[in-house]
């Protein structure tokens, strides 16, 4: 009987993680789009100024780290939930 009471708790954790995974997959998709737009803007800035915008470089690094953290969570490589459940990664 003790084993029966543990099973629903474990299943509810899996369903809760599944819901969070759906949200994180959506966030990863949106982040990929933002990264694409950011790279286009950075390319245009490079054409005009011959040097990349340092603030965009920093944001791009942090966004890439966020996408990496999200992918790790989605493939069960880690149990640590990415932003907004933890801090935004630094771009340094």
PDB file of N, CA and C in Angstrom:
ATOM      1  N   UNK A   1       0.815  -1.193   0.000  1.00  0.00           N
ATOM      2  CA  UNK A   1       0.000   0.000   0.000  1.00  0.00           C
ATOM      3  C   UNK A   1       0.860   1.258   0.000  1.00  0.00           C
ATOM      4  N   UNK A   2       1.992   1.203   0.670  1.00  0.00           N
ATOM      5  CA  UNK A   2       2.890   2.348   0.698  1.00  0.00           C
ATOM      6  C   UNK A   2       3.421   2.659  -0.702  1.00  0.00           C
ATOM      7  N   UNK A   3       3.703   1.629  -1.513  1.00  0.00           N
ATOM      8  CA  UNK A   3       4.172   1.832  -2.871  1.00  0.00           C
ATOM      9  C   UNK A   3       3.110   2.490  -3.744  1.00  0.00           C
ATOM     10  N   UNK A   4       1.806   2.196  -3.490  1.00  0.00           N
ATOM     11  CA  UNK A   4       0.732   2.798  -4.275  1.00  0.00           C
ATOM     12  C   UNK A   4       0.608   4.291  -4.028  1.00  0.00           C
ATOM     13  N   UNK A   5       0.853   4.728  -2.795  1.00  0.00           N
ATOM     14  CA  UNK A   5       0.712   6.148  -2.487  1.00  0.00           C
ATOM     15  C   UNK A   5       1.857   6.974  -3.081  1.00  0.00           C
ATOM     16  N   UNK A   6       3.020   6.351  -3.329  1.00  0.00           N
ATOM     17  CA  UNK A   6       4.143   7.076  -3.898  1.00  0.00           C
ATOM     18  C   UNK A   6       4.005   7.262  -5.407  1.00  0.00           C
ATOM     19  N   UNK A   7       3.338   6.355  -6.078  1.00  0.00           N
ATOM     20  CA  UNK A   7       3.218   6.423  -7.532  1.00  0.00           C
ATOM     21  C   UNK A   7       2.487   7.665  -8.014  1.00  0.00           C
ATOM     22  N   UNK A   8       1.309   8.045  -7.459  1.00  0.00           N
ATOM     23  CA  UNK A   8       0.648   9.249  -7.950  1.00  0.00           C
ATOM     24  C   UNK A   8       1.468  10.517  -7.752  1.00  0.00           C
ATOM     25  N   UNK A   9       2.232  10.594  -6.661  1.00  0.00           N
ATOM     26  CA  UNK A   9       3.075  11.773  -6.427  1.00  0.00           C
ATOM     27  C   UNK A   9       4.129  11.861  -7.516  1.00  0.00           C
ATOM     28  N   UNK A  10       4.750  10.742  -7.840  1.00  0.00           N
ATOM     29  CA  UNK A  10       5.770  10.725  -8.874  1.00  0.00           C
ATOM     30  C   UNK A  10       5.166  11.087 -10.226  1.00  0.00           C
ATOM     31  N   UNK A  11       3.994  10.556 -10.544  1.00  0.00           N
ATOM     32  CA  UNK A  11       3.337  10.860 -11.811  1.00  0.00           C
ATOM     33  C   UNK A  11       2.962  12.334 -11.889  1.00  0.00           C
ATOM     34  N   UNK A  12       2.515  12.908 -10.768  1.00  0.00           N
ATOM     35  CA  UNK A  12       2.159  14.332 -10.798  1.00  0.00           C
ATOM     36  C   UNK A  12       3.404  15.187 -11.023  1.00  0.00           C
ATOM     37  N   UNK A  13       4.547  14.758 -10.476  1.00  0.00           N
ATOM     38  CA  UNK A  13       5.790  15.486 -10.734  1.00  0.00           C
ATOM     39  C   UNK A  13       6.177  15.415 -12.203  1.00  0.00           C
ATOM     40  N   UNK A  14       5.962  14.275 -12.818  1.00  0.00           N
ATOM     41  CA  UNK A  14       6.267  14.127 -14.236  1.00  0.00           C
ATOM     42  C   UNK A  14       5.344  15.014 -15.058  1.00  0.00           C
ATOM     43  N   UNK A  15       4.061  15.067 -14.696  1.00  0.00           N
ATOM     44  CA  UNK A  15       3.119  15.915 -15.436  1.00  0.00           C
ATOM     45  C   UNK A  15       3.426  17.397 -15.234  1.00  0.00           C
ATOM     46  N   UNK A  16       3.825  17.755 -14.020  1.00  0.00           N
ATOM     47  CA  UNK A  16       4.199  19.148 -13.767  1.00  0.00           C
ATOM     48  C   UNK A  16       5.441  19.512 -14.578  1.00  0.00           C
ATOM     49  N   UNK A  17       6.408  18.603 -14.605  1.00  0.00           N
ATOM     50  CA  UNK A  17       7.610  18.856 -15.411  1.00  0.00           C
ATOM     51  C   UNK A  17       7.243  18.930 -16.891  1.00  0.00           C
ATOM     52  N   UNK A  18       6.337  18.092 -17.337  1.00  0.00           N
ATOM     53  CA  UNK A  18       5.899  18.122 -18.727  1.00  0.00           C
ATOM     54  C   UNK A  18       5.287  19.462 -19.092  1.00  0.00           C
ATOM     55  N   UNK A  19       4.486  20.009 -18.197  1.00  0.00           N
ATOM     56  CA  UNK A  19       3.884  21.322 -18.440  1.00  0.00           C
ATOM     57  C   UNK A  19       4.963  22.406 -18.513  1.00  0.00           C
ATOM     58  N   UNK A  20       5.908  22.345 -17.577  1.00  0.00           N
ATOM     59  CA  UNK A  20       7.010  23.316 -17.581  1.00  0.00           C
ATOM     60  C   UNK A  20       7.850  23.145 -18.849  1.00  0.00           C
ATOM     61  N   UNK A  21       8.023  21.906 -19.301  1.00  0.00           N
ATOM     62  CA  UNK A  21       8.780  21.659 -20.526  1.00  0.00           C
ATOM     63  C   UNK A  21       8.095  22.284 -21.736  1.00  0.00           C
ATOM     64  N   UNK A  22       6.775  22.222 -21.785  1.00  0.00           N
ATOM     65  CA  UNK A  22       6.055  22.874 -22.882  1.00  0.00           C
ATOM     66  C   UNK A  22       6.287  24.378 -22.872  1.00  0.00           C
ATOM     67  N   UNK A  23       6.218  24.972 -21.695  1.00  0.00           N
ATOM     68  CA  UNK A  23       6.475  26.414 -21.584  1.00  0.00           C
ATOM     69  C   UNK A  23       7.907  26.753 -21.969  1.00  0.00           C
ATOM     70  N   UNK A  24       8.851  25.932 -21.537  1.00  0.00           N
ATOM     71  CA  UNK A  24      10.258  26.184 -21.852  1.00  0.00           C
ATOM     72  C   UNK A  24      10.543  25.972 -23.336  1.00  0.00           C
ATOM     73  N   UNK A  25       9.866  25.017 -23.970  1.00  0.00           N
ATOM     74  CA  UNK A  25      10.039  24.820 -25.410  1.00  0.00           C
ATOM     75  C   UNK A  25       9.534  26.044 -26.176  1.00  0.00           C
ATOM     76  N   UNK A  26       8.425  26.598 -25.734  1.00  0.00           N
ATOM     77  CA  UNK A  26       7.905  27.817 -26.352  1.00  0.00           C
ATOM     78  C   UNK A  26       8.887  28.976 -26.148  1.00  0.00           C
ATOM     79  N   UNK A  27       9.411  29.101 -24.937  1.00  0.00           N
ATOM     80  CA  UNK A  27      10.389  30.163 -24.649  1.00  0.00           C
ATOM     81  C   UNK A  27      11.647  29.976 -25.490  1.00  0.00           C
ATOM     82  N   UNK A  28      12.066  28.745 -25.698  1.00  0.00           N
ATOM     83  CA  UNK A  28      13.245  28.472 -26.507  1.00  0.00           C
ATOM     84  C   UNK A  28      12.998  28.845 -27.966  1.00  0.00           C
ATOM     85  N   UNK A  29      11.804  28.580 -28.444  1.00  0.00           N
ATOM     86  CA  UNK A  29      11.447  28.950 -29.818  1.00  0.00           C
ATOM     87  C   UNK A  29      11.468  30.470 -29.991  1.00  0.00           C
ATOM     88  N   UNK A  30      10.862  31.173 -29.059  1.00  0.00           N
ATOM     89  CA  UNK A  30      10.858  32.643 -29.109  1.00  0.00           C
ATOM     90  C   UNK A  30      12.290  33.174 -28.998  1.00  0.00           C
ATOM     91  N   UNK A  31      13.082  32.575 -28.126  1.00  0.00           N
ATOM     92  CA  UNK A  31      14.476  33.007 -27.952  1.00  0.00           C
ATOM     93  C   UNK A  31      15.280  32.807 -29.224  1.00  0.00           C
ATOM     94  N   UNK A  32      15.026  31.729 -29.933  1.00  0.00           N
ATOM     95  CA  UNK A  32      15.709  31.497 -31.204  1.00  0.00           C
ATOM     96  C   UNK A  32      15.375  32.566 -32.225  1.00  0.00           C
ATOM     97  N   UNK A  33      14.107  32.982 -32.249  1.00  0.00           N
ATOM     98  CA  UNK A  33      13.691  34.057 -33.154  1.00  0.00           C
ATOM     99  C   UNK A  33      14.372  35.366 -32.782  1.00  0.00           C
ATOM    100  N   UNK A  34      14.419  35.662 -31.492  1.00  0.00           N
ATOM    101  CA  UNK A  34      15.092  36.884 -31.026  1.00  0.00           C
ATOM    102  C   UNK A  34      16.575  36.831 -31.382  1.00  0.00           C
ATOM    103  N   UNK A  35      17.199  35.673 -31.228  1.00  0.00           N
ATOM    104  CA  UNK A  35      18.614  35.524 -31.572  1.00  0.00           C
ATOM    105  C   UNK A  35      18.837  35.752 -33.063  1.00  0.00           C
ATOM    106  N   UNK A  36      17.932  35.272 -33.899  1.00  0.00           N
ATOM    107  CA  UNK A  36      18.031  35.489 -35.341  1.00  0.00           C
ATOM    108  C   UNK A  36      17.948  36.976 -35.674  1.00  0.00           C
ATOM    109  N   UNK A  37      16.976  37.670 -35.096  1.00  0.00           N
ATOM    110  CA  UNK A  37      16.824  39.112 -35.339  1.00  0.00           C
ATOM    111  C   UNK A  37      18.046  39.864 -34.814  1.00  0.00           C
ATOM    112  N   UNK A  38      18.515  39.484 -33.642  1.00  0.00           N
ATOM    113  CA  UNK A  38      19.704  40.106 -33.061  1.00  0.00           C
ATOM    114  C   UNK A  38      20.916  39.948 -33.976  1.00  0.00           C
ATOM    115  N   UNK A  39      21.074  38.769 -34.549  1.00  0.00           N
ATOM    116  CA  UNK A  39      22.224  38.554 -35.436  1.00  0.00           C
ATOM    117  C   UNK A  39      22.113  39.393 -36.709  1.00  0.00           C
ATOM    118  N   UNK A  40      20.898  39.566 -37.220  1.00  0.00           N
ATOM    119  CA  UNK A  40      20.722  40.427 -38.392  1.00  0.00           C
ATOM    120  C   UNK A  40      21.052  41.886 -38.066  1.00  0.00           C
ATOM    121  N   UNK A  41      20.574  42.359 -36.922  1.00  0.00           N
ATOM    122  CA  UNK A  41      20.861  43.732 -36.501  1.00  0.00           C
ATOM    123  C   UNK A  41      22.363  43.908 -36.301  1.00  0.00           C
ATOM    124  N   UNK A  42      22.990  42.938 -35.667  1.00  0.00           N
ATOM    125  CA  UNK A  42      24.429  43.025 -35.426  1.00  0.00           C
ATOM    126  C   UNK A  42      25.198  43.024 -36.752  1.00  0.00           C
ATOM    127  N   UNK A  43      24.726  42.271 -37.733  1.00  0.00           N
ATOM    128  CA  UNK A  43      25.360  42.252 -39.050  1.00  0.00           C
ATOM    129  C   UNK A  43      25.283  43.631 -39.716  1.00  0.00           C
ATOM    130  N   UNK A  44      24.120  44.245 -39.646  1.00  0.00           N
ATOM    131  CA  UNK A  44      23.953  45.580 -40.226  1.00  0.00           C
ATOM    132  C   UNK A  44      24.850  46.588 -39.519  1.00  0.00           C
ATOM    133  N   UNK A  45      24.932  46.498 -38.199  1.00  0.00           N
ATOM    134  CA  UNK A  45      25.812  47.395 -37.439  1.00  0.00           C
ATOM    135  C   UNK A  45      27.265  47.184 -37.854  1.00  0.00           C
ATOM    136  N   UNK A  46      27.646  45.936 -38.070  1.00  0.00           N
ATOM    137  CA  UNK A  46      29.009  45.640 -38.519  1.00  0.00           C
ATOM    138  C   UNK A  46      29.283  46.257 -39.883  1.00  0.00           C
ATOM    139  N   UNK A  47      28.300  46.185 -40.770  1.00  0.00           N
ATOM    140  CA  UNK A  47      28.474  46.777 -42.097  1.00  0.00           C
ATOM    141  C   UNK A  47      28.662  48.291 -42.020  1.00  0.00           C
ATOM    142  N   UNK A  48      27.941  48.920 -41.123  1.00  0.00           N
ATOM    143  CA  UNK A  48      27.979  50.374 -41.021  1.00  0.00           C
ATOM    144  C   UNK A  48      29.171  50.894 -40.229  1.00  0.00           C
ATOM    145  N   UNK A  49      29.544  50.199 -39.159  1.00  0.00           N
ATOM    146  CA  UNK A  49      30.556  50.721 -38.230  1.00  0.00           C
ATOM    147  C   UNK A  49      31.874  49.957 -38.221  1.00  0.00           C
ATOM    148  N   UNK A  50      31.944  48.835 -38.886  1.00  0.00           N
ATOM    149  CA  UNK A  50      33.131  47.963 -38.874  1.00  0.00           C
ATOM    150  C   UNK A  50      33.477  47.424 -37.490  1.00  0.00           C
ATOM    151  N   UNK A  51      32.561  47.534 -36.551  1.00  0.00           N
ATOM    152  CA  UNK A  51      32.765  46.980 -35.214  1.00  0.00           C
ATOM    153  C   UNK A  51      31.412  46.584 -34.627  1.00  0.00           C
ATOM    154  N   UNK A  52      31.339  45.448 -33.944  1.00  0.00           N
ATOM    155  CA  UNK A  52      30.060  45.033 -33.370  1.00  0.00           C
ATOM    156  C   UNK A  52      29.680  45.872 -32.153  1.00  0.00           C
ATOM    157  N   UNK A  53      28.389  45.948 -31.889  1.00  0.00           N
ATOM    158  CA  UNK A  53      27.874  46.651 -30.717  1.00  0.00           C
ATOM    159  C   UNK A  53      28.132  45.778 -29.489  1.00  0.00           C
ATOM    160  N   UNK A  54      28.884  46.314 -28.524  1.00  0.00           N
ATOM    161  CA  UNK A  54      29.276  45.527 -27.344  1.00  0.00           C
ATOM    162  C   UNK A  54      28.088  45.108 -26.491  1.00  0.00           C
ATOM    163  N   UNK A  55      27.089  45.966 -26.399  1.00  0.00           N
ATOM    164  CA  UNK A  55      25.905  45.618 -25.598  1.00  0.00           C
ATOM    165  C   UNK A  55      25.129  44.481 -26.247  1.00  0.00           C
ATOM    166  N   UNK A  56      25.053  44.490 -27.573  1.00  0.00           N
ATOM    167  CA  UNK A  56      24.377  43.393 -28.274  1.00  0.00           C
ATOM    168  C   UNK A  56      25.182  42.094 -28.178  1.00  0.00           C
ATOM    169  N   UNK A  57      26.502  42.210 -28.184  1.00  0.00           N
ATOM    170  CA  UNK A  57      27.346  41.027 -28.000  1.00  0.00           C
ATOM    171  C   UNK A  57      27.069  40.406 -26.633  1.00  0.00           C
ATOM    172  N   UNK A  58      27.030  41.226 -25.601  1.00  0.00           N
ATOM    173  CA  UNK A  58      26.774  40.743 -24.245  1.00  0.00           C
ATOM    174  C   UNK A  58      25.389  40.101 -24.144  1.00  0.00           C
ATOM    175  N   UNK A  59      24.384  40.780 -24.705  1.00  0.00           N
ATOM    176  CA  UNK A  59      23.033  40.219 -24.669  1.00  0.00           C
ATOM    177  C   UNK A  59      22.962  38.925 -25.475  1.00  0.00           C
ATOM    178  N   UNK A  60      23.637  38.874 -26.616  1.00  0.00           N
ATOM    179  CA  UNK A  60      23.648  37.661 -27.433  1.00  0.00           C
ATOM    180  C   UNK A  60      24.261  36.485 -26.704  1.00  0.00           C
ATOM    181  N   UNK A  61      25.345  36.746 -25.971  1.00  0.00           N
ATOM    182  CA  UNK A  61      25.971  35.679 -25.171  1.00  0.00           C
ATOM    183  C   UNK A  61      25.023  35.171 -24.096  1.00  0.00           C
ATOM    184  N   UNK A  62      24.370  36.099 -23.398  1.00  0.00           N
ATOM    185  CA  UNK A  62      23.462  35.665 -22.331  1.00  0.00           C
ATOM    186  C   UNK A  62      22.258  34.922 -22.918  1.00  0.00           C
ATOM    187  N   UNK A  63      21.768  35.355 -24.064  1.00  0.00           N
ATOM    188  CA  UNK A  63      20.654  34.675 -24.717  1.00  0.00           C
ATOM    189  C   UNK A  63      21.072  33.278 -25.168  1.00  0.00           C
ATOM    190  N   UNK A  64      22.275  33.151 -25.698  1.00  0.00           N
ATOM    191  CA  UNK A  64      22.774  31.835 -26.108  1.00  0.00           C
ATOM    192  C   UNK A  64      22.902  30.901 -24.902  1.00  0.00           C
ATOM    193  N   UNK A  65      23.363  31.433 -23.781  1.00  0.00           N
ATOM    194  CA  UNK A  65      23.462  30.609 -22.558  1.00  0.00           C
ATOM    195  C   UNK A  65      22.082  30.197 -22.067  1.00  0.00           C
ATOM    196  N   UNK A  66      21.111  31.095 -22.195  1.00  0.00           N
ATOM    197  CA  UNK A  66      19.737  30.767 -21.811  1.00  0.00           C
ATOM    198  C   UNK A  66      19.186  29.639 -22.690  1.00  0.00           C
ATOM    199  N   UNK A  67      19.417  29.734 -23.990  1.00  0.00           N
ATOM    200  CA  UNK A  67      18.949  28.686 -24.901  1.00  0.00           C
ATOM    201  C   UNK A  67      19.620  27.356 -24.555  1.00  0.00           C
ATOM    202  N   UNK A  68      20.900  27.408 -24.220  1.00  0.00           N
ATOM    203  CA  UNK A  68      21.625  26.193 -23.829  1.00  0.00           C
ATOM    204  C   UNK A  68      21.038  25.598 -22.545  1.00  0.00           C
ATOM    205  N   UNK A  69      20.788  26.438 -21.549  1.00  0.00           N
ATOM    206  CA  UNK A  69      20.185  25.963 -20.300  1.00  0.00           C
ATOM    207  C   UNK A  69      18.810  25.354 -20.551  1.00  0.00           C
ATOM    208  N   UNK A  70      18.038  25.994 -21.410  1.00  0.00           N
ATOM    209  CA  UNK A  70      16.703  25.495 -21.720  1.00  0.00           C
ATOM    210  C   UNK A  70      16.781  24.149 -22.420  1.00  0.00           C
ATOM    211  N   UNK A  71      17.693  24.018 -23.370  1.00  0.00           N
ATOM    212  CA  UNK A  71      17.856  22.746 -24.074  1.00  0.00           C
ATOM    213  C   UNK A  71      18.279  21.647 -23.102  1.00  0.00           C
ATOM    214  N   UNK A  72      19.195  21.945 -22.186  1.00  0.00           N
ATOM    215  CA  UNK A  72      19.608  20.962 -21.180  1.00  0.00           C
ATOM    216  C   UNK A  72      18.423  20.506 -20.342  1.00  0.00           C
ATOM    217  N   UNK A  73      17.559  21.433 -19.957  1.00  0.00           N
ATOM    218  CA  UNK A  73      16.376  21.081 -19.167  1.00  0.00           C
ATOM    219  C   UNK A  73      15.415  20.225 -19.990  1.00  0.00           C
ATOM    220  N   UNK A  74      15.227  20.573 -21.247  1.00  0.00           N
ATOM    221  CA  UNK A  74      14.270  19.860 -22.091  1.00  0.00           C
ATOM    222  C   UNK A  74      14.687  18.420 -22.372  1.00  0.00           C
ATOM    223  N   UNK A  75      15.976  18.163 -22.449  1.00  0.00           N
ATOM    224  CA  UNK A  75      16.444  16.799 -22.737  1.00  0.00           C
ATOM    225  C   UNK A  75      16.830  16.040 -21.465  1.00  0.00           C
ATOM    226  N   UNK A  76      16.423  16.552 -20.308  1.00  0.00           N
ATOM    227  CA  UNK A  76      16.644  15.915 -19.008  1.00  0.00           C
ATOM    228  C   UNK A  76      18.126  15.821 -18.645  1.00  0.00           C
ATOM    229  N   UNK A  77      18.964  16.706 -19.195  1.00  0.00           N
ATOM    230  CA  UNK A  77      20.377  16.738 -18.820  1.00  0.00           C
ATOM    231  C   UNK A  77      20.560  17.386 -17.456  1.00  0.00           C
ATOM    232  N   UNK A  78      19.567  18.174 -17.032  1.00  0.00           N
ATOM    233  CA  UNK A  78      19.607  18.822 -15.729  1.00  0.00           C
ATOM    234  C   UNK A  78      18.184  18.964 -15.202  1.00  0.00           C
ATOM    235  N   UNK A  79      18.081  19.048 -13.901  1.00  0.00           N
ATOM    236  CA  UNK A  79      16.792  19.304 -13.269  1.00  0.00           C
ATOM    237  C   UNK A  79      16.623  20.779 -12.925  1.00  0.00           C
ATOM    238  N   UNK A  80      17.684  21.558 -13.109  1.00  0.00           N
ATOM    239  CA  UNK A  80      17.626  22.991 -12.806  1.00  0.00           C
ATOM    240  C   UNK A  80      16.813  23.709 -13.875  1.00  0.00           C
ATOM    241  N   UNK A  81      15.763  24.362 -13.433  1.00  0.00           N
ATOM    242  CA  UNK A  81      14.888  25.068 -14.372  1.00  0.00           C
ATOM    243  C   UNK A  81      15.514  26.406 -14.770  1.00  0.00           C
ATOM    244  N   UNK A  82      15.462  26.728 -16.068  1.00  0.00           N
ATOM    245  CA  UNK A  82      16.021  28.009 -16.518  1.00  0.00           C
ATOM    246  C   UNK A  82      15.103  29.177 -16.181  1.00  0.00           C
ATOM    247  N   UNK A  83      15.537  30.391 -16.552  1.00  0.00           N
ATOM    248  CA  UNK A  83      14.742  31.592 -16.356  1.00  0.00           C
ATOM    249  C   UNK A  83      13.350  31.362 -16.911  1.00  0.00           C
ATOM    250  N   UNK A  84      12.290  31.706 -16.252  1.00  0.00           N
ATOM    251  CA  UNK A  84      12.098  32.606 -15.129  1.00  0.00           C
ATOM    252  C   UNK A  84      12.129  31.924 -13.760  1.00  0.00           C
ATOM    253  N   UNK A  85      12.487  30.642 -13.734  1.00  0.00           N
ATOM    254  CA  UNK A  85      12.541  29.918 -12.461  1.00  0.00           C
ATOM    255  C   UNK A  85      13.882  30.094 -11.765  1.00  0.00           C
ATOM    256  N   UNK A  86      14.851  30.650 -12.476  1.00  0.00           N
ATOM    257  CA  UNK A  86      16.156  30.969 -11.899  1.00  0.00           C
ATOM    258  C   UNK A  86      16.625  32.289 -12.512  1.00  0.00           C
ATOM    259  N   UNK A  87      17.820  32.707 -12.140  1.00  0.00           N
ATOM    260  CA  UNK A  87      18.338  33.979 -12.643  1.00  0.00           C
ATOM    261  C   UNK A  87      18.678  33.905 -14.124  1.00  0.00           C
ATOM    262  N   UNK A  88      18.585  35.052 -14.792  1.00  0.00           N
ATOM    263  CA  UNK A  88      18.989  35.149 -16.195  1.00  0.00           C
ATOM    264  C   UNK A  88      20.506  34.985 -16.263  1.00  0.00           C
ATOM    265  N   UNK A  89      21.027  34.200 -17.216  1.00  0.00           N
ATOM    266  CA  UNK A  89      22.476  34.013 -17.300  1.00  0.00           C
ATOM    267  C   UNK A  89      23.205  35.290 -17.689  1.00  0.00           C
ATOM    268  N   UNK A  90      24.427  35.417 -17.209  1.00  0.00           N
ATOM    269  CA  UNK A  90      25.189  36.632 -17.510  1.00  0.00           C
ATOM    270  C   UNK A  90      25.773  36.543 -18.923  1.00  0.00           C
ATOM    271  N   UNK A  91      26.070  37.682 -19.467  1.00  0.00           N
ATOM    272  CA  UNK A  91      26.634  37.747 -20.811  1.00  0.00           C
ATOM    273  C   UNK A  91      28.132  37.943 -20.810  1.00  0.00           C
ATOM    274  N   UNK A  92      28.757  37.751 -19.696  1.00  0.00           N
ATOM    275  CA  UNK A  92      30.217  37.970 -19.581  1.00  0.00           C
ATOM    276  C   UNK A  92      30.968  36.689 -19.604  1.00  0.00           C
TER     277      UNK A  92
END
